[in-house]
PDB file of N, CA and C in Angstrom:
ATOM      1  N   MET A   1     -25.341  54.123  24.924  1.00  0.00           N
ATOM      2  CA  MET A   1     -25.349  52.510  25.175  1.00  0.00           C
ATOM      3  C   MET A   1     -23.595  52.211  25.407  1.00  0.00           C
ATOM      4  N   LYS A   2     -23.075  53.114  24.477  1.00  0.00           N
ATOM      5  CA  LYS A   2     -21.510  53.199  24.891  1.00  0.00           C
ATOM      6  C   LYS A   2     -21.004  51.386  24.467  1.00  0.00           C
ATOM      7  N   GLY A   3     -21.594  50.835  23.431  1.00  0.00           N
ATOM      8  CA  GLY A   3     -20.765  49.702  22.881  1.00  0.00           C
ATOM      9  C   GLY A   3     -21.395  48.275  23.727  1.00  0.00           C
ATOM     10  N   GLN A   4     -22.289  48.595  24.674  1.00  0.00           N
ATOM     11  CA  GLN A   4     -22.974  47.473  25.558  1.00  0.00           C
ATOM     12  C   GLN A   4     -24.177  47.164  24.747  1.00  0.00           C
ATOM     13  N   ASN A   5     -24.618  45.627  25.146  1.00  0.00           N
ATOM     14  CA  ASN A   5     -25.993  45.611  24.472  1.00  0.00           C
ATOM     15  C   ASN A   5     -26.915  46.470  25.372  1.00  0.00           C
ATOM     16  N   TYR A   6     -27.965  46.259  24.589  1.00  0.00           N
ATOM     17  CA  TYR A   6     -29.221  46.988  25.120  1.00  0.00           C
ATOM     18  C   TYR A   6     -30.085  46.288  26.099  1.00  0.00           C
ATOM     19  N   THR A   7     -29.983  46.872  27.312  1.00  0.00           N
ATOM     20  CA  THR A   7     -30.664  46.147  28.454  1.00  0.00           C
ATOM     21  C   THR A   7     -32.237  46.329  28.166  1.00  0.00           C
ATOM     22  N   GLY A   8     -33.105  47.094  27.562  1.00  0.00           N
ATOM     23  CA  GLY A   8     -34.421  47.250  27.597  1.00  0.00           C
ATOM     24  C   GLY A   8     -34.833  48.160  28.279  1.00  0.00           C
ATOM     25  N   HIS A   9     -33.932  49.285  29.051  1.00  0.00           N
ATOM     26  CA  HIS A   9     -34.519  49.997  29.851  1.00  0.00           C
ATOM     27  C   HIS A   9     -33.569  51.279  29.801  1.00  0.00           C
ATOM     28  N   ILE A  10     -32.432  51.437  29.525  1.00  0.00           N
ATOM     29  CA  ILE A  10     -31.668  52.466  29.248  1.00  0.00           C
ATOM     30  C   ILE A  10     -30.950  52.360  28.129  1.00  0.00           C
ATOM     31  N   PRO A  11     -31.534  53.520  27.267  1.00  0.00           N
ATOM     32  CA  PRO A  11     -32.196  54.226  27.358  1.00  0.00           C
ATOM     33  C   PRO A  11     -33.800  53.901  27.187  1.00  0.00           C
ATOM     34  N   GLY A  12     -34.979  54.434  27.546  1.00  0.00           N
ATOM     35  CA  GLY A  12     -36.258  53.830  27.402  1.00  0.00           C
ATOM     36  C   GLY A  12     -36.300  53.770  25.848  1.00  0.00           C
ATOM     37  N   ILE A  13     -37.211  52.647  25.478  1.00  0.00           N
ATOM     38  CA  ILE A  13     -37.184  52.402  23.979  1.00  0.00           C
ATOM     39  C   ILE A  13     -37.692  53.641  23.123  1.00  0.00           C
ATOM     40  N   LEU A  14     -38.969  54.237  23.871  1.00  0.00           N
ATOM     41  CA  LEU A  14     -39.375  55.300  23.178  1.00  0.00           C
ATOM     42  C   LEU A  14     -39.136  56.520  23.520  1.00  0.00           C
ATOM     43  N   ARG A  15     -37.786  56.744  24.239  1.00  0.00           N
ATOM     44  CA  ARG A  15     -37.258  58.091  24.570  1.00  0.00           C
ATOM     45  C   ARG A  15     -35.971  58.112  23.552  1.00  0.00           C
ATOM     46  N   SER A  16     -35.535  57.196  23.251  1.00  0.00           N
ATOM     47  CA  SER A  16     -34.324  57.211  22.199  1.00  0.00           C
ATOM     48  C   SER A  16     -34.996  57.419  21.017  1.00  0.00           C
ATOM     49  N   ALA A  17     -34.660  58.404  20.246  1.00  0.00           N
ATOM     50  CA  ALA A  17     -34.899  58.696  18.931  1.00  0.00           C
ATOM     51  C   ALA A  17     -34.765  57.632  18.005  1.00  0.00           C
ATOM     52  N   PHE A  18     -33.485  57.316  18.145  1.00  0.00           N
ATOM     53  CA  PHE A  18     -33.124  55.973  17.304  1.00  0.00           C
ATOM     54  C   PHE A  18     -33.885  54.450  17.363  1.00  0.00           C
ATOM     55  N   LEU A  19     -34.168  54.396  18.853  1.00  0.00           N
ATOM     56  CA  LEU A  19     -35.048  53.049  18.992  1.00  0.00           C
ATOM     57  C   LEU A  19     -36.287  53.414  18.515  1.00  0.00           C
ATOM     58  N   ARG A  20     -37.063  54.521  18.705  1.00  0.00           N
ATOM     59  CA  ARG A  20     -38.207  54.699  18.335  1.00  0.00           C
ATOM     60  C   ARG A  20     -38.578  54.636  16.757  1.00  0.00           C
ATOM     61  N   GLU A  21     -37.387  55.206  16.101  1.00  0.00           N
ATOM     62  CA  GLU A  21     -37.442  54.725  14.706  1.00  0.00           C
ATOM     63  C   GLU A  21     -37.557  53.790  14.373  1.00  0.00           C
ATOM     64  N   CYS A  22     -36.689  52.718  15.023  1.00  0.00           N
ATOM     65  CA  CYS A  22     -36.694  51.310  14.586  1.00  0.00           C
ATOM     66  C   CYS A  22     -38.205  50.875  15.046  1.00  0.00           C
ATOM     67  N   VAL A  23     -38.835  51.142  16.011  1.00  0.00           N
ATOM     68  CA  VAL A  23     -40.176  50.514  16.277  1.00  0.00           C
ATOM     69  C   VAL A  23     -40.953  51.114  14.987  1.00  0.00           C
ATOM     70  N   ASP A  24     -41.053  52.475  14.627  1.00  0.00           N
ATOM     71  CA  ASP A  24     -41.971  53.003  13.556  1.00  0.00           C
ATOM     72  C   ASP A  24     -41.436  52.400  12.259  1.00  0.00           C
ATOM     73  N   ALA A  25     -40.311  52.264  11.773  1.00  0.00           N
ATOM     74  CA  ALA A  25     -39.911  51.944  10.534  1.00  0.00           C
ATOM     75  C   ALA A  25     -39.652  50.476  10.421  1.00  0.00           C
ATOM     76  N   MET A  26     -39.609  49.598  11.418  1.00  0.00           N
ATOM     77  CA  MET A  26     -39.351  48.236  11.227  1.00  0.00           C
ATOM     78  C   MET A  26     -40.679  47.344  12.104  1.00  0.00           C
ATOM     79  N   LEU A  27     -40.481  47.500  13.122  1.00  0.00           N
ATOM     80  CA  LEU A  27     -41.636  46.740  13.820  1.00  0.00           C
ATOM     81  C   LEU A  27     -42.819  46.975  13.586  1.00  0.00           C
ATOM     82  N   GLY A  28     -43.225  48.120  13.621  1.00  0.00           N
ATOM     83  CA  GLY A  28     -44.929  48.579  13.159  1.00  0.00           C
ATOM     84  C   GLY A  28     -45.194  47.605  11.641  1.00  0.00           C
ATOM     85  N   PRO A  29     -44.246  48.083  10.577  1.00  0.00           N
ATOM     86  CA  PRO A  29     -44.751  47.406   9.291  1.00  0.00           C
ATOM     87  C   PRO A  29     -44.658  45.806   9.405  1.00  0.00           C
ATOM     88  N   GLU A  30     -43.644  45.384  10.158  1.00  0.00           N
ATOM     89  CA  GLU A  30     -43.617  44.011  10.115  1.00  0.00           C
ATOM     90  C   GLU A  30     -44.977  43.433  11.001  1.00  0.00           C
ATOM     91  N   LEU A  31     -45.465  44.084  11.815  1.00  0.00           N
ATOM     92  CA  LEU A  31     -46.836  43.626  12.692  1.00  0.00           C
ATOM     93  C   LEU A  31     -47.903  43.612  11.762  1.00  0.00           C
ATOM     94  N   VAL A  32     -48.010  44.838  11.095  1.00  0.00           N
ATOM     95  CA  VAL A  32     -49.299  44.909   9.943  1.00  0.00           C
ATOM     96  C   VAL A  32     -49.069  43.962   9.015  1.00  0.00           C
ATOM     97  N   ALA A  33     -47.988  43.513   8.472  1.00  0.00           N
ATOM     98  CA  ALA A  33     -47.849  42.473   7.403  1.00  0.00           C
ATOM     99  C   ALA A  33     -48.395  40.937   7.994  1.00  0.00           C
ATOM    100  N   VAL A  34     -48.266  41.039   9.416  1.00  0.00           N
ATOM    101  CA  VAL A  34     -48.749  39.663   9.677  1.00  0.00           C
ATOM    102  C   VAL A  34     -50.034  40.031  10.470  1.00  0.00           C
ATOM    103  N   PRO A  35     -51.384  40.432  10.116  1.00  0.00           N
ATOM    104  CA  PRO A  35     -52.564  40.962  10.723  1.00  0.00           C
ATOM    105  C   PRO A  35     -52.978  39.754  11.753  1.00  0.00           C
ATOM    106  N   GLY A  36     -52.964  38.479  11.360  1.00  0.00           N
ATOM    107  CA  GLY A  36     -53.474  37.168  12.084  1.00  0.00           C
ATOM    108  C   GLY A  36     -52.816  36.795  13.241  1.00  0.00           C
ATOM    109  N   ALA A  37     -51.478  37.468  13.406  1.00  0.00           N
ATOM    110  CA  ALA A  37     -50.366  36.758  14.421  1.00  0.00           C
ATOM    111  C   ALA A  37     -50.854  37.329  15.729  1.00  0.00           C
ATOM    112  N   ILE A  38     -50.590  36.334  16.690  1.00  0.00           N
ATOM    113  CA  ILE A  38     -50.729  36.534  18.247  1.00  0.00           C
ATOM    114  C   ILE A  38     -49.061  37.298  18.536  1.00  0.00           C
ATOM    115  N   VAL A  39     -49.195  38.147  19.276  1.00  0.00           N
ATOM    116  CA  VAL A  39     -47.851  39.011  19.557  1.00  0.00           C
ATOM    117  C   VAL A  39     -47.681  38.773  20.891  1.00  0.00           C
ATOM    118  N   VAL A  40     -46.524  38.065  21.365  1.00  0.00           N
ATOM    119  CA  VAL A  40     -46.016  37.869  22.743  1.00  0.00           C
ATOM    120  C   VAL A  40     -44.771  38.613  22.969  1.00  0.00           C
ATOM    121  N   PRO A  41     -44.923  39.869  23.424  1.00  0.00           N
ATOM    122  CA  PRO A  41     -43.553  40.657  23.927  1.00  0.00           C
ATOM    123  C   PRO A  41     -43.348  40.033  25.230  1.00  0.00           C
ATOM    124  N   LEU A  42     -42.029  39.869  25.186  1.00  0.00           N
ATOM    125  CA  LEU A  42     -41.206  39.208  26.489  1.00  0.00           C
ATOM    126  C   LEU A  42     -40.436  40.467  27.122  1.00  0.00           C
ATOM    127  N   GLY A  43     -41.407  41.255  27.973  1.00  0.00           N
ATOM    128  CA  GLY A  43     -40.736  42.206  28.763  1.00  0.00           C
ATOM    129  C   GLY A  43     -41.407  43.324  28.592  1.00  0.00           C
ATOM    130  N   ASN A  44     -41.244  44.543  29.642  1.00  0.00           N
ATOM    131  CA  ASN A  44     -41.831  45.701  29.800  1.00  0.00           C
ATOM    132  C   ASN A  44     -41.607  46.340  28.421  1.00  0.00           C
ATOM    133  N   ALA A  45     -40.379  46.471  28.098  1.00  0.00           N
ATOM    134  CA  ALA A  45     -39.788  47.432  27.029  1.00  0.00           C
ATOM    135  C   ALA A  45     -40.713  47.221  25.696  1.00  0.00           C
ATOM    136  N   VAL A  46     -40.813  45.779  25.316  1.00  0.00           N
ATOM    137  CA  VAL A  46     -41.494  45.260  24.024  1.00  0.00           C
ATOM    138  C   VAL A  46     -42.882  45.620  24.280  1.00  0.00           C
ATOM    139  N   ALA A  47     -43.458  45.320  25.360  1.00  0.00           N
ATOM    140  CA  ALA A  47     -44.888  45.708  25.850  1.00  0.00           C
ATOM    141  C   ALA A  47     -45.127  47.168  25.405  1.00  0.00           C
ATOM    142  N   GLU A  48     -44.106  48.193  25.868  1.00  0.00           N
ATOM    143  CA  GLU A  48     -44.127  49.528  25.910  1.00  0.00           C
ATOM    144  C   GLU A  48     -44.308  49.878  24.296  1.00  0.00           C
ATOM    145  N   ALA A  49     -43.441  49.410  23.608  1.00  0.00           N
ATOM    146  CA  ALA A  49     -43.276  49.634  22.150  1.00  0.00           C
ATOM    147  C   ALA A  49     -44.857  49.231  21.473  1.00  0.00           C
ATOM    148  N   LEU A  50     -45.162  48.077  21.975  1.00  0.00           N
ATOM    149  CA  LEU A  50     -46.368  47.569  21.101  1.00  0.00           C
ATOM    150  C   LEU A  50     -47.767  48.528  21.704  1.00  0.00           C
ATOM    151  N   GLY A  51     -47.601  49.171  23.128  1.00  0.00           N
ATOM    152  CA  GLY A  51     -48.659  50.031  23.136  1.00  0.00           C
ATOM    153  C   GLY A  51     -48.505  51.375  22.411  1.00  0.00           C
ATOM    154  N   TYR A  52     -47.383  51.632  22.049  1.00  0.00           N
ATOM    155  CA  TYR A  52     -47.014  52.909  21.122  1.00  0.00           C
ATOM    156  C   TYR A  52     -47.692  52.604  19.965  1.00  0.00           C
ATOM    157  N   LEU A  53     -47.416  51.192  19.360  1.00  0.00           N
ATOM    158  CA  LEU A  53     -47.846  51.268  18.162  1.00  0.00           C
ATOM    159  C   LEU A  53     -49.445  50.912  18.085  1.00  0.00           C
ATOM    160  N   ALA A  54     -50.020  50.405  18.946  1.00  0.00           N
ATOM    161  CA  ALA A  54     -51.539  50.429  19.231  1.00  0.00           C
ATOM    162  C   ALA A  54     -52.007  51.710  19.161  1.00  0.00           C
ATOM    163  N   ASP A  55     -51.134  52.812  20.090  1.00  0.00           N
ATOM    164  CA  ASP A  55     -51.981  54.257  20.149  1.00  0.00           C
ATOM    165  C   ASP A  55     -52.121  54.813  18.977  1.00  0.00           C
ATOM    166  N   ARG A  56     -50.911  54.424  18.055  1.00  0.00           N
ATOM    167  CA  ARG A  56     -50.913  55.091  16.471  1.00  0.00           C
ATOM    168  C   ARG A  56     -51.614  54.408  15.665  1.00  0.00           C
ATOM    169  N   GLY A  57     -52.481  53.273  16.131  1.00  0.00           N
ATOM    170  CA  GLY A  57     -53.307  52.434  15.113  1.00  0.00           C
ATOM    171  C   GLY A  57     -52.583  51.338  14.106  1.00  0.00           C
ATOM    172  N   GLN A  58     -51.490  51.038  14.322  1.00  0.00           N
ATOM    173  CA  GLN A  58     -50.478  50.124  13.472  1.00  0.00           C
ATOM    174  C   GLN A  58     -50.703  48.811  14.236  1.00  0.00           C
ATOM    175  N   LEU A  59     -51.456  48.479  15.334  1.00  0.00           N
ATOM    176  CA  LEU A  59     -51.569  47.197  15.685  1.00  0.00           C
ATOM    177  C   LEU A  59     -52.665  47.118  16.860  1.00  0.00           C
ATOM    178  N   SER A  60     -53.284  46.174  16.747  1.00  0.00           N
ATOM    179  CA  SER A  60     -54.647  45.880  17.749  1.00  0.00           C
ATOM    180  C   SER A  60     -54.082  45.049  18.836  1.00  0.00           C
ATOM    181  N   ALA A  61     -54.075  46.150  19.978  1.00  0.00           N
ATOM    182  CA  ALA A  61     -53.755  45.709  21.493  1.00  0.00           C
ATOM    183  C   ALA A  61     -54.493  44.503  21.721  1.00  0.00           C
ATOM    184  N   GLU A  62     -55.485  43.897  21.110  1.00  0.00           N
ATOM    185  CA  GLU A  62     -56.316  42.725  21.368  1.00  0.00           C
ATOM    186  C   GLU A  62     -55.373  41.556  20.926  1.00  0.00           C
ATOM    187  N   ARG A  63     -54.592  41.590  20.072  1.00  0.00           N
ATOM    188  CA  ARG A  63     -53.705  40.476  19.538  1.00  0.00           C
ATOM    189  C   ARG A  63     -52.366  40.189  20.562  1.00  0.00           C
ATOM    190  N   CYS A  64     -52.126  41.097  21.118  1.00  0.00           N
ATOM    191  CA  CYS A  64     -50.898  41.092  22.251  1.00  0.00           C
ATOM    192  C   CYS A  64     -51.236  40.396  23.387  1.00  0.00           C
ATOM    193  N   LEU A  65     -50.497  39.396  23.774  1.00  0.00           N
ATOM    194  CA  LEU A  65     -50.532  38.649  25.073  1.00  0.00           C
ATOM    195  C   LEU A  65     -49.629  39.241  26.028  1.00  0.00           C
ATOM    196  N   LEU A  66     -50.017  40.239  26.638  1.00  0.00           N
ATOM    197  CA  LEU A  66     -49.143  41.133  27.150  1.00  0.00           C
ATOM    198  C   LEU A  66     -48.830  40.384  28.870  1.00  0.00           C
ATOM    199  N   GLY A  67     -47.818  40.572  29.429  1.00  0.00           N
ATOM    200  CA  GLY A  67     -47.757  40.216  30.795  1.00  0.00           C
ATOM    201  C   GLY A  67     -46.392  38.911  30.972  1.00  0.00           C
ATOM    202  N   PHE A  68     -45.918  38.695  30.050  1.00  0.00           N
ATOM    203  CA  PHE A  68     -44.876  37.665  30.020  1.00  0.00           C
ATOM    204  C   PHE A  68     -43.642  38.575  30.603  1.00  0.00           C
ATOM    205  N   PRO A  69     -42.849  37.872  31.518  1.00  0.00           N
ATOM    206  CA  PRO A  69     -41.577  38.806  31.936  1.00  0.00           C
ATOM    207  C   PRO A  69     -40.457  38.456  30.854  1.00  0.00           C
ATOM    208  N   ARG A  70     -39.727  39.149  30.965  1.00  0.00           N
ATOM    209  CA  ARG A  70     -38.402  39.231  30.281  1.00  0.00           C
ATOM    210  C   ARG A  70     -37.564  38.044  30.757  1.00  0.00           C
ATOM    211  N   PRO A  71     -37.272  37.130  30.153  1.00  0.00           N
ATOM    212  CA  PRO A  71     -36.547  35.599  30.199  1.00  0.00           C
ATOM    213  C   PRO A  71     -35.280  35.729  30.506  1.00  0.00           C
ATOM    214  N   SER A  72     -34.469  36.783  30.691  1.00  0.00           N
ATOM    215  CA  SER A  72     -33.298  36.997  31.121  1.00  0.00           C
ATOM    216  C   SER A  72     -32.931  36.331  32.539  1.00  0.00           C
ATOM    217  N   GLY A  73     -32.003  35.762  32.425  1.00  0.00           N
ATOM    218  CA  GLY A  73     -31.408  35.235  33.625  1.00  0.00           C
ATOM    219  C   GLY A  73     -31.124  36.542  34.810  1.00  0.00           C
ATOM    220  N   ALA A  74     -31.034  37.661  34.334  1.00  0.00           N
ATOM    221  CA  ALA A  74     -30.879  38.891  34.807  1.00  0.00           C
ATOM    222  C   ALA A  74     -32.091  39.139  35.690  1.00  0.00           C
ATOM    223  N   ASN A  75     -33.233  38.858  35.242  1.00  0.00           N
ATOM    224  CA  ASN A  75     -34.688  39.340  35.775  1.00  0.00           C
ATOM    225  C   ASN A  75     -35.059  38.226  36.701  1.00  0.00           C
ATOM    226  N   GLY A  76     -34.822  38.835  37.842  1.00  0.00           N
ATOM    227  CA  GLY A  76     -34.571  37.606  38.965  1.00  0.00           C
ATOM    228  C   GLY A  76     -36.253  37.563  39.421  1.00  0.00           C
ATOM    229  N   ARG A  77     -37.213  38.305  38.937  1.00  0.00           N
ATOM    230  CA  ARG A  77     -38.689  38.201  39.033  1.00  0.00           C
ATOM    231  C   ARG A  77     -39.395  37.369  38.322  1.00  0.00           C
ATOM    232  N   ARG A  78     -38.684  36.715  37.237  1.00  0.00           N
ATOM    233  CA  ARG A  78     -39.349  36.137  36.090  1.00  0.00           C
ATOM    234  C   ARG A  78     -40.182  35.190  36.429  1.00  0.00           C
ATOM    235  N   VAL A  79     -39.837  34.124  37.446  1.00  0.00           N
ATOM    236  CA  VAL A  79     -40.681  32.961  37.636  1.00  0.00           C
ATOM    237  C   VAL A  79     -41.893  33.612  38.277  1.00  0.00           C
ATOM    238  N   ARG A  80     -41.577  34.474  39.305  1.00  0.00           N
ATOM    239  CA  ARG A  80     -42.863  35.076  40.109  1.00  0.00           C
ATOM    240  C   ARG A  80     -43.860  35.827  39.216  1.00  0.00           C
ATOM    241  N   GLU A  81     -42.893  36.617  38.292  1.00  0.00           N
ATOM    242  CA  GLU A  81     -43.903  37.207  37.338  1.00  0.00           C
ATOM    243  C   GLU A  81     -44.955  36.311  36.481  1.00  0.00           C
ATOM    244  N   PHE A  82     -44.233  35.370  36.070  1.00  0.00           N
ATOM    245  CA  PHE A  82     -44.938  34.321  35.181  1.00  0.00           C
ATOM    246  C   PHE A  82     -46.127  33.535  36.076  1.00  0.00           C
ATOM    247  N   VAL A  83     -45.857  33.054  37.067  1.00  0.00           N
ATOM    248  CA  VAL A  83     -46.596  32.617  38.020  1.00  0.00           C
ATOM    249  C   VAL A  83     -47.851  33.348  38.383  1.00  0.00           C
ATOM    250  N   ALA A  84     -47.802  34.697  38.579  1.00  0.00           N
ATOM    251  CA  ALA A  84     -48.851  35.525  38.864  1.00  0.00           C
ATOM    252  C   ALA A  84     -49.743  35.827  37.540  1.00  0.00           C
ATOM    253  N   HIS A  85     -49.157  35.965  36.258  1.00  0.00           N
ATOM    254  CA  HIS A  85     -49.895  36.314  35.236  1.00  0.00           C
ATOM    255  C   HIS A  85     -50.308  34.896  34.388  1.00  0.00           C
ATOM    256  N   ARG A  86     -50.125  33.845  34.750  1.00  0.00           N
ATOM    257  CA  ARG A  86     -50.255  32.336  34.393  1.00  0.00           C
ATOM    258  C   ARG A  86     -51.544  32.255  33.831  1.00  0.00           C
ATOM    259  N   GLN A  87     -52.446  32.155  34.757  1.00  0.00           N
ATOM    260  CA  GLN A  87     -53.950  32.001  34.216  1.00  0.00           C
ATOM    261  C   GLN A  87     -54.596  32.939  33.431  1.00  0.00           C
ATOM    262  N   ARG A  88     -54.484  34.219  33.651  1.00  0.00           N
ATOM    263  CA  ARG A  88     -54.617  35.485  32.730  1.00  0.00           C
ATOM    264  C   ARG A  88     -54.193  35.172  31.170  1.00  0.00           C
ATOM    265  N   LEU A  89     -52.830  34.811  31.171  1.00  0.00           N
ATOM    266  CA  LEU A  89     -52.296  34.386  29.855  1.00  0.00           C
ATOM    267  C   LEU A  89     -52.802  33.454  29.024  1.00  0.00           C
ATOM    268  N   ALA A  90     -53.065  32.344  29.975  1.00  0.00           N
ATOM    269  CA  ALA A  90     -53.853  31.146  29.244  1.00  0.00           C
ATOM    270  C   ALA A  90     -55.251  31.422  28.815  1.00  0.00           C
ATOM    271  N   GLU A  91     -55.918  32.100  29.639  1.00  0.00           N
ATOM    272  CA  GLU A  91     -57.125  32.365  29.108  1.00  0.00           C
ATOM    273  C   GLU A  91     -57.248  33.468  27.893  1.00  0.00           C
ATOM    274  N   LYS A  92     -56.454  34.234  28.100  1.00  0.00           N
ATOM    275  CA  LYS A  92     -56.328  35.257  26.760  1.00  0.00           C
ATOM    276  C   LYS A  92     -55.803  34.676  25.345  1.00  0.00           C
ATOM    277  N   LEU A  93     -54.730  33.456  25.666  1.00  0.00           N
ATOM    278  CA  LEU A  93     -54.401  32.993  24.624  1.00  0.00           C
ATOM    279  C   LEU A  93     -55.533  32.021  24.097  1.00  0.00           C
ATOM    280  N   GLU A  94     -56.203  31.360  25.015  1.00  0.00           N
ATOM    281  CA  GLU A  94     -57.453  30.797  24.272  1.00  0.00           C
ATOM    282  C   GLU A  94     -58.589  31.654  23.693  1.00  0.00           C
ATOM    283  N   SER A  95     -58.773  32.633  24.142  1.00  0.00           N
ATOM    284  CA  SER A  95     -59.445  33.554  23.308  1.00  0.00           C
ATOM    285  C   SER A  95     -59.220  34.142  22.112  1.00  0.00           C
ATOM    286  N   LEU A  96     -57.616  33.928  21.914  1.00  0.00           N
ATOM    287  CA  LEU A  96     -57.170  34.496  20.384  1.00  0.00           C
ATOM    288  C   LEU A  96     -57.072  33.191  19.569  1.00  0.00           C
ATOM    289  N   LEU A  97     -56.959  31.969  19.904  1.00  0.00           N
ATOM    290  CA  LEU A  97     -56.968  30.707  19.193  1.00  0.00           C
ATOM    291  C   LEU A  97     -57.874  30.603  18.203  1.00  0.00           C
ATOM    292  N   PRO A  98     -57.907  30.245  16.806  1.00  0.00           N
ATOM    293  CA  PRO A  98     -59.162  30.291  16.043  1.00  0.00           C
ATOM    294  C   PRO A  98     -59.883  28.823  16.536  1.00  0.00           C
ATOM    295  N   ARG A  99     -61.056  29.118  16.446  1.00  0.00           N
ATOM    296  CA  ARG A  99     -61.823  27.716  17.008  1.00  0.00           C
ATOM    297  C   ARG A  99     -61.923  26.905  15.855  1.00  0.00           C
ATOM    298  N   GLU A 100     -62.280  25.517  15.918  1.00  0.00           N
ATOM    299  CA  GLU A 100     -62.426  24.529  14.950  1.00  0.00           C
ATOM    300  C   GLU A 100     -63.855  24.585  14.558  1.00  0.00           C
ATOM    301  N   PRO A 101     -64.563  24.511  13.734  1.00  0.00           N
ATOM    302  CA  PRO A 101     -65.944  24.545  13.224  1.00  0.00           C
ATOM    303  C   PRO A 101     -66.574  23.036  13.831  1.00  0.00           C
ATOM    304  N   ALA A 102     -67.670  23.325  14.392  1.00  0.00           N
ATOM    305  CA  ALA A 102     -68.457  22.110  15.041  1.00  0.00           C
ATOM    306  C   ALA A 102     -69.043  21.337  13.935  1.00  0.00           C
ATOM    307  N   LEU A 103     -68.908  19.847  13.988  1.00  0.00           N
ATOM    308  CA  LEU A 103     -69.489  19.199  13.171  1.00  0.00           C
ATOM    309  C   LEU A 103     -70.929  18.621  13.246  1.00  0.00           C
TER     310      LEU A 103
END
């Protein structure tokens, strides 16, 4: 990375031993500590890390709201991606929210 900010793709989050260790040692335990939380990854790199944790049994993929684009201004496709996924994301979010008991 040579002193630059991490862009989310070079190196790949799971291809870098250091970044994968951060996912294992910090992100995984943090998500285990909040089992009822809805997780909203903003971008593909974070979604990849969450998939890795789900594959290892540290996170239920069902509580992840996948498909939000990376919000950076450098992501010229962000609006188009959001519009394409908006309905599915809204439906998934609705399914994840707790229901009020009927009176």
